Amino acid sequence: MMKKIFSLINLLIFGFIFSQINVEEIKRNVKENPKDYFYNYLEIFKTEPKKLTQQELNQLYYGSRFIETEYKMSNYNQDYETIWKLAKSGMSRNKALKIVEQAQANYNKNPLLDGVSLKLSYIYEALNEKSKSDLYSLQNSLIIQTIENSGTGKSEDSPICVLIAGEMINRISSLPNTF
């Protein structure tokens, strides 16, 4: 366990320094031209995420770090008990009906926030809205793919690059137990 924690700290420290993701270029692009390098990609991501290339997904996901959003992890944590904890695979239709409106509103404020698209997928699955469930599931998969494609996480030269520590913990727990 201690080795995993040490590895997590190392990956976080070295993540933005040695990463294959050019964070400085992404930051410059987003700051100088947010419409072209963030908001246009975000609109595609919300409706047809398969159209985005890996480079565009990198720009969108890592660029979100440099954009002010209305819904942050602290908001997610505040809403956890009343919305996100209830949104799980196999949830009842009645529960889904009670939380879908607020969950969708929060997603609209920050669709890239860790776990939000996956939870919406569960909600729409419970509501038998397969196309929406599939869309949100795909979005979640693309976010995970973007993180995983940033590096292997097996060395300092190839770290996994994430925006928040919780995403790193999720990635570390999915690695084979080689630490």
Foldseek 3Di string as FASTA:
>chain_A
DVVLVVLLVLLAVLVQPQWPQVLVVLCVCCVVPVVVQEVVLVVCLQPPNVPDDLNSLSSHLSNVLNDDFPADVVNCVVCCVVEQVQQDAPHALVSLVVHVVVLVVNCVRPVNYPPSLQSNLSSVVNVVNNVSNVSSVVSNVSSLVSQCVRAPSPDSNGHRHHDDSVSSVVVSVPDDPPD
